[in-house]
Amino acid sequence: GGDLLDADPTAPHESAGFATVAEAFRAEADGRPDLAIAALEPLVREPRPLWRHQWLPLLARLALAAGRR
């Protein structure tokens, strides 16, 4: 199998959401909260509230750190 971080974030498979979040963590660690937020925004728009609520605290923390409200 391929690297989880190489997964297509638009894929319907559940692991795609985790790959997207891993990409956001990597961007945050690189000092790029703007890229981390951009990576997570599609998850917020998804019609799956269970996924969305899981990542909202991370997105809120990143947005506040980046000065976005």
PDB file of N, CA and C in Angstrom:
ATOM      1  N   GLY A   1       0.806  -1.180   0.000  1.00  0.00           N
ATOM      2  CA  GLY A   1       0.000   0.000   0.000  1.00  0.00           C
ATOM      3  C   GLY A   1       0.851   1.248   0.000  1.00  0.00           C
ATOM      4  N   GLY A   2       0.194   2.361  -0.319  1.00  0.00           N
ATOM      5  CA  GLY A   2       0.885   3.640  -0.369  1.00  0.00           C
ATOM      6  C   GLY A   2       0.957   4.301   0.991  1.00  0.00           C
ATOM      7  N   ASP A   3       1.672   5.345   1.030  1.00  0.00           N
ATOM      8  CA  ASP A   3       1.816   6.148   2.242  1.00  0.00           C
ATOM      9  C   ASP A   3       0.474   6.810   2.556  1.00  0.00           C
ATOM     10  N   LEU A   4       0.074   6.790   3.805  1.00  0.00           N
ATOM     11  CA  LEU A   4      -1.194   7.388   4.213  1.00  0.00           C
ATOM     12  C   LEU A   4      -1.253   8.855   3.831  1.00  0.00           C
ATOM     13  N   LEU A   5      -0.128   9.554   3.917  1.00  0.00           N
ATOM     14  CA  LEU A   5      -0.128  10.978   3.594  1.00  0.00           C
ATOM     15  C   LEU A   5      -0.296  11.231   2.107  1.00  0.00           C
ATOM     16  N   ASP A   6      -0.149  10.194   1.276  1.00  0.00           N
ATOM     17  CA  ASP A   6      -0.341  10.335  -0.160  1.00  0.00           C
ATOM     18  C   ASP A   6      -1.767  10.009  -0.579  1.00  0.00           C
ATOM     19  N   ALA A   7      -2.634   9.680   0.371  1.00  0.00           N
ATOM     20  CA  ALA A   7      -4.014   9.339   0.051  1.00  0.00           C
ATOM     21  C   ALA A   7      -4.730  10.544  -0.541  1.00  0.00           C
ATOM     22  N   ASP A   8      -5.660  10.267  -1.422  1.00  0.00           N
ATOM     23  CA  ASP A   8      -6.457  11.322  -2.044  1.00  0.00           C
ATOM     24  C   ASP A   8      -7.449  11.841  -1.011  1.00  0.00           C
ATOM     25  N   PRO A   9      -7.340  13.129  -0.592  1.00  0.00           N
ATOM     26  CA  PRO A   9      -8.241  13.641   0.444  1.00  0.00           C
ATOM     27  C   PRO A   9      -9.690  13.724   0.001  1.00  0.00           C
ATOM     28  N   THR A  10      -9.966  13.592  -1.302  1.00  0.00           N
ATOM     29  CA  THR A  10     -11.346  13.627  -1.769  1.00  0.00           C
ATOM     30  C   THR A  10     -11.936  12.228  -1.884  1.00  0.00           C
ATOM     31  N   ALA A  11     -11.132  11.203  -1.623  1.00  0.00           N
ATOM     32  CA  ALA A  11     -11.602   9.824  -1.721  1.00  0.00           C
ATOM     33  C   ALA A  11     -12.671   9.563  -0.670  1.00  0.00           C
ATOM     34  N   PRO A  12     -13.659   8.744  -1.012  1.00  0.00           N
ATOM     35  CA  PRO A  12     -14.738   8.482  -0.050  1.00  0.00           C
ATOM     36  C   PRO A  12     -14.321   7.593   1.108  1.00  0.00           C
ATOM     37  N   HIS A  13     -13.139   6.999   1.036  1.00  0.00           N
ATOM     38  CA  HIS A  13     -12.682   6.101   2.093  1.00  0.00           C
ATOM     39  C   HIS A  13     -12.413   6.886   3.372  1.00  0.00           C
ATOM     40  N   GLU A  14     -12.738   6.297   4.504  1.00  0.00           N
ATOM     41  CA  GLU A  14     -12.600   6.960   5.804  1.00  0.00           C
ATOM     42  C   GLU A  14     -11.182   7.440   6.081  1.00  0.00           C
ATOM     43  N   SER A  15     -10.179   6.702   5.635  1.00  0.00           N
ATOM     44  CA  SER A  15      -8.797   7.091   5.931  1.00  0.00           C
ATOM     45  C   SER A  15      -8.399   8.384   5.243  1.00  0.00           C
ATOM     46  N   ALA A  16      -9.121   8.790   4.211  1.00  0.00           N
ATOM     47  CA  ALA A  16      -8.791  10.037   3.525  1.00  0.00           C
ATOM     48  C   ALA A  16      -8.905  11.217   4.481  1.00  0.00           C
ATOM     49  N   GLY A  17      -9.889  11.203   5.375  1.00  0.00           N
ATOM     50  CA  GLY A  17     -10.021  12.273   6.361  1.00  0.00           C
ATOM     51  C   GLY A  17      -8.827  12.319   7.290  1.00  0.00           C
ATOM     52  N   PHE A  18      -8.346  11.162   7.678  1.00  0.00           N
ATOM     53  CA  PHE A  18      -7.180  11.112   8.552  1.00  0.00           C
ATOM     54  C   PHE A  18      -5.929  11.572   7.813  1.00  0.00           C
ATOM     55  N   ALA A  19      -5.828  11.258   6.524  1.00  0.00           N
ATOM     56  CA  ALA A  19      -4.690  11.727   5.728  1.00  0.00           C
ATOM     57  C   ALA A  19      -4.714  13.246   5.618  1.00  0.00           C
ATOM     58  N   THR A  20      -5.896  13.805   5.470  1.00  0.00           N
ATOM     59  CA  THR A  20      -6.030  15.256   5.395  1.00  0.00           C
ATOM     60  C   THR A  20      -5.590  15.900   6.700  1.00  0.00           C
ATOM     61  N   VAL A  21      -5.997  15.330   7.809  1.00  0.00           N
ATOM     62  CA  VAL A  21      -5.613  15.865   9.115  1.00  0.00           C
ATOM     63  C   VAL A  21      -4.111  15.703   9.329  1.00  0.00           C
ATOM     64  N   ALA A  22      -3.551  14.589   8.889  1.00  0.00           N
ATOM     65  CA  ALA A  22      -2.098  14.410   8.992  1.00  0.00           C
ATOM     66  C   ALA A  22      -1.372  15.486   8.193  1.00  0.00           C
ATOM     67  N   GLU A  23      -1.896  15.822   7.033  1.00  0.00           N
ATOM     68  CA  GLU A  23      -1.311  16.893   6.221  1.00  0.00           C
ATOM     69  C   GLU A  23      -1.400  18.226   6.963  1.00  0.00           C
ATOM     70  N   ALA A  24      -2.505  18.466   7.647  1.00  0.00           N
ATOM     71  CA  ALA A  24      -2.654  19.702   8.428  1.00  0.00           C
ATOM     72  C   ALA A  24      -1.642  19.747   9.570  1.00  0.00           C
ATOM     73  N   PHE A  25      -1.452  18.624  10.252  1.00  0.00           N
ATOM     74  CA  PHE A  25      -0.452  18.583  11.324  1.00  0.00           C
ATOM     75  C   PHE A  25       0.949  18.838  10.772  1.00  0.00           C
ATOM     76  N   ARG A  26       1.237  18.276   9.600  1.00  0.00           N
ATOM     77  CA  ARG A  26       2.549  18.485   8.997  1.00  0.00           C
ATOM     78  C   ARG A  26       2.740  19.962   8.649  1.00  0.00           C
ATOM     79  N   ALA A  27       1.717  20.597   8.089  1.00  0.00           N
ATOM     80  CA  ALA A  27       1.808  22.023   7.757  1.00  0.00           C
ATOM     81  C   ALA A  27       1.982  22.862   9.019  1.00  0.00           C
ATOM     82  N   GLU A  28       1.259  22.502  10.083  1.00  0.00           N
ATOM     83  CA  GLU A  28       1.402  23.238  11.343  1.00  0.00           C
ATOM     84  C   GLU A  28       2.823  23.095  11.887  1.00  0.00           C
ATOM     85  N   ALA A  29       3.357  21.882  11.849  1.00  0.00           N
ATOM     86  CA  ALA A  29       4.718  21.648  12.342  1.00  0.00           C
ATOM     87  C   ALA A  29       5.751  22.418  11.526  1.00  0.00           C
ATOM     88  N   ASP A  30       5.445  22.652  10.257  1.00  0.00           N
ATOM     89  CA  ASP A  30       6.332  23.422   9.382  1.00  0.00           C
ATOM     90  C   ASP A  30       6.149  24.924   9.559  1.00  0.00           C
ATOM     91  N   GLY A  31       5.279  25.307  10.510  1.00  0.00           N
ATOM     92  CA  GLY A  31       5.043  26.727  10.749  1.00  0.00           C
ATOM     93  C   GLY A  31       4.133  27.368   9.729  1.00  0.00           C
ATOM     94  N   ARG A  32       3.259  26.577   9.100  1.00  0.00           N
ATOM     95  CA  ARG A  32       2.351  27.070   8.069  1.00  0.00           C
ATOM     96  C   ARG A  32       0.895  26.849   8.477  1.00  0.00           C
ATOM     97  N   PRO A  33       0.408  27.597   9.489  1.00  0.00           N
ATOM     98  CA  PRO A  33      -0.987  27.401   9.896  1.00  0.00           C
ATOM     99  C   PRO A  33      -1.967  27.694   8.770  1.00  0.00           C
ATOM    100  N   ASP A  34      -1.596  28.579   7.834  1.00  0.00           N
ATOM    101  CA  ASP A  34      -2.476  28.873   6.706  1.00  0.00           C
ATOM    102  C   ASP A  34      -2.715  27.626   5.850  1.00  0.00           C
ATOM    103  N   LEU A  35      -1.668  26.850   5.603  1.00  0.00           N
ATOM    104  CA  LEU A  35      -1.821  25.607   4.839  1.00  0.00           C
ATOM    105  C   LEU A  35      -2.574  24.551   5.642  1.00  0.00           C
ATOM    106  N   ALA A  36      -2.351  24.537   6.954  1.00  0.00           N
ATOM    107  CA  ALA A  36      -3.066  23.586   7.807  1.00  0.00           C
ATOM    108  C   ALA A  36      -4.565  23.872   7.778  1.00  0.00           C
ATOM    109  N   ILE A  37      -4.921  25.144   7.864  1.00  0.00           N
ATOM    110  CA  ILE A  37      -6.336  25.529   7.815  1.00  0.00           C
ATOM    111  C   ILE A  37      -6.926  25.167   6.456  1.00  0.00           C
ATOM    112  N   ALA A  38      -6.207  25.474   5.394  1.00  0.00           N
ATOM    113  CA  ALA A  38      -6.688  25.156   4.046  1.00  0.00           C
ATOM    114  C   ALA A  38      -6.907  23.654   3.874  1.00  0.00           C
ATOM    115  N   ALA A  39      -6.052  22.847   4.486  1.00  0.00           N
ATOM    116  CA  ALA A  39      -6.206  21.393   4.390  1.00  0.00           C
ATOM    117  C   ALA A  39      -7.458  20.914   5.108  1.00  0.00           C
ATOM    118  N   LEU A  40      -7.792  21.557   6.232  1.00  0.00           N
ATOM    119  CA  LEU A  40      -8.928  21.109   7.040  1.00  0.00           C
ATOM    120  C   LEU A  40     -10.272  21.662   6.575  1.00  0.00           C
ATOM    121  N   GLU A  41     -10.280  22.775   5.886  1.00  0.00           N
ATOM    122  CA  GLU A  41     -11.551  23.396   5.498  1.00  0.00           C
ATOM    123  C   GLU A  41     -12.489  22.464   4.730  1.00  0.00           C
ATOM    124  N   PRO A  42     -12.005  21.619   3.812  1.00  0.00           N
ATOM    125  CA  PRO A  42     -12.934  20.701   3.141  1.00  0.00           C
ATOM    126  C   PRO A  42     -13.630  19.732   4.096  1.00  0.00           C
ATOM    127  N   LEU A  43     -12.962  19.353   5.181  1.00  0.00           N
ATOM    128  CA  LEU A  43     -13.598  18.450   6.145  1.00  0.00           C
ATOM    129  C   LEU A  43     -14.775  19.116   6.831  1.00  0.00           C
ATOM    130  N   VAL A  44     -14.688  20.418   7.036  1.00  0.00           N
ATOM    131  CA  VAL A  44     -15.770  21.144   7.701  1.00  0.00           C
ATOM    132  C   VAL A  44     -16.998  21.198   6.799  1.00  0.00           C
ATOM    133  N   ARG A  45     -16.778  21.224   5.509  1.00  0.00           N
ATOM    134  CA  ARG A  45     -17.888  21.324   4.554  1.00  0.00           C
ATOM    135  C   ARG A  45     -18.525  19.978   4.232  1.00  0.00           C
ATOM    136  N   GLU A  46     -17.894  18.886   4.640  1.00  0.00           N
ATOM    137  CA  GLU A  46     -18.432  17.559   4.340  1.00  0.00           C
ATOM    138  C   GLU A  46     -19.741  17.329   5.083  1.00  0.00           C
ATOM    139  N   PRO A  47     -20.637  16.559   4.479  1.00  0.00           N
ATOM    140  CA  PRO A  47     -21.929  16.297   5.122  1.00  0.00           C
ATOM    141  C   PRO A  47     -21.868  15.229   6.212  1.00  0.00           C
ATOM    142  N   ARG A  48     -20.674  14.886   6.669  1.00  0.00           N
ATOM    143  CA  ARG A  48     -20.533  13.863   7.715  1.00  0.00           C
ATOM    144  C   ARG A  48     -20.237  14.530   9.047  1.00  0.00           C
ATOM    145  N   PRO A  49     -21.256  14.813   9.848  1.00  0.00           N
ATOM    146  CA  PRO A  49     -21.025  15.542  11.098  1.00  0.00           C
ATOM    147  C   PRO A  49     -20.084  14.825  12.063  1.00  0.00           C
ATOM    148  N   LEU A  50     -20.012  13.508  12.024  1.00  0.00           N
ATOM    149  CA  LEU A  50     -19.109  12.812  12.943  1.00  0.00           C
ATOM    150  C   LEU A  50     -17.659  13.146  12.633  1.00  0.00           C
ATOM    151  N   TRP A  51     -17.296  13.198  11.363  1.00  0.00           N
ATOM    152  CA  TRP A  51     -15.933  13.587  10.996  1.00  0.00           C
ATOM    153  C   TRP A  51     -15.692  15.027  11.368  1.00  0.00           C
ATOM    154  N   ARG A  52     -16.673  15.858  11.061  1.00  0.00           N
ATOM    155  CA  ARG A  52     -16.514  17.296  11.258  1.00  0.00           C
ATOM    156  C   ARG A  52     -16.266  17.615  12.728  1.00  0.00           C
ATOM    157  N   HIS A  53     -17.037  17.067  13.625  1.00  0.00           N
ATOM    158  CA  HIS A  53     -16.880  17.427  15.040  1.00  0.00           C
ATOM    159  C   HIS A  53     -15.531  16.966  15.579  1.00  0.00           C
ATOM    160  N   GLN A  54     -14.963  15.925  14.999  1.00  0.00           N
ATOM    161  CA  GLN A  54     -13.665  15.425  15.443  1.00  0.00           C
ATOM    162  C   GLN A  54     -12.562  16.444  15.208  1.00  0.00           C
ATOM    163  N   TRP A  55     -12.642  17.177  14.112  1.00  0.00           N
ATOM    164  CA  TRP A  55     -11.546  18.052  13.705  1.00  0.00           C
ATOM    165  C   TRP A  55     -11.812  19.520  13.986  1.00  0.00           C
ATOM    166  N   LEU A  56     -12.991  19.880  14.443  1.00  0.00           N
ATOM    167  CA  LEU A  56     -13.286  21.289  14.727  1.00  0.00           C
ATOM    168  C   LEU A  56     -12.368  21.891  15.785  1.00  0.00           C
ATOM    169  N   PRO A  57     -12.054  21.207  16.888  1.00  0.00           N
ATOM    170  CA  PRO A  57     -11.130  21.812  17.863  1.00  0.00           C
ATOM    171  C   PRO A  57      -9.755  22.116  17.263  1.00  0.00           C
ATOM    172  N   LEU A  58      -9.251  21.215  16.432  1.00  0.00           N
ATOM    173  CA  LEU A  58      -7.964  21.454  15.777  1.00  0.00           C
ATOM    174  C   LEU A  58      -8.059  22.658  14.848  1.00  0.00           C
ATOM    175  N   LEU A  59      -9.111  22.717  14.054  1.00  0.00           N
ATOM    176  CA  LEU A  59      -9.279  23.838  13.131  1.00  0.00           C
ATOM    177  C   LEU A  59      -9.422  25.153  13.888  1.00  0.00           C
ATOM    178  N   ALA A  60     -10.163  25.146  14.989  1.00  0.00           N
ATOM    179  CA  ALA A  60     -10.324  26.365  15.791  1.00  0.00           C
ATOM    180  C   ALA A  60      -8.989  26.812  16.375  1.00  0.00           C
ATOM    181  N   ARG A  61      -8.201  25.880  16.882  1.00  0.00           N
ATOM    182  CA  ARG A  61      -6.889  26.225  17.441  1.00  0.00           C
ATOM    183  C   ARG A  61      -5.979  26.807  16.372  1.00  0.00           C
ATOM    184  N   LEU A  62      -5.963  26.195  15.197  1.00  0.00           N
ATOM    185  CA  LEU A  62      -5.131  26.699  14.099  1.00  0.00           C
ATOM    186  C   LEU A  62      -5.579  28.087  13.654  1.00  0.00           C
ATOM    187  N   ALA A  63      -6.888  28.277  13.553  1.00  0.00           N
ATOM    188  CA  ALA A  63      -7.408  29.573  13.118  1.00  0.00           C
ATOM    189  C   ALA A  63      -7.044  30.667  14.113  1.00  0.00           C
ATOM    190  N   LEU A  64      -7.178  30.379  15.393  1.00  0.00           N
ATOM    191  CA  LEU A  64      -6.818  31.375  16.406  1.00  0.00           C
ATOM    192  C   LEU A  64      -5.325  31.676  16.373  1.00  0.00           C
ATOM    193  N   ALA A  65      -4.505  30.643  16.188  1.00  0.00           N
ATOM    194  CA  ALA A  65      -3.056  30.848  16.116  1.00  0.00           C
ATOM    195  C   ALA A  65      -2.670  31.681  14.902  1.00  0.00           C
ATOM    196  N   ALA A  66      -3.460  31.574  13.840  1.00  0.00           N
ATOM    197  CA  ALA A  66      -3.182  32.321  12.611  1.00  0.00           C
ATOM    198  C   ALA A  66      -3.849  33.698  12.619  1.00  0.00           C
ATOM    199  N   GLY A  67      -4.550  34.025  13.714  1.00  0.00           N
ATOM    200  CA  GLY A  67      -5.213  35.323  13.800  1.00  0.00           C
ATOM    201  C   GLY A  67      -6.523  35.399  13.050  1.00  0.00           C
ATOM    202  N   ARG A  68      -7.085  34.235  12.707  1.00  0.00           N
ATOM    203  CA  ARG A  68      -8.373  34.196  11.996  1.00  0.00           C
ATOM    204  C   ARG A  68      -9.470  33.872  12.992  1.00  0.00           C
ATOM    205  N   ARG A  69     -10.573  34.558  12.878  1.00  0.00           N
ATOM    206  CA  ARG A  69     -11.716  34.305  13.770  1.00  0.00           C
ATOM    207  C   ARG A  69     -12.952  33.998  12.988  1.00  0.00           C
TER     208      ARG A  69
END
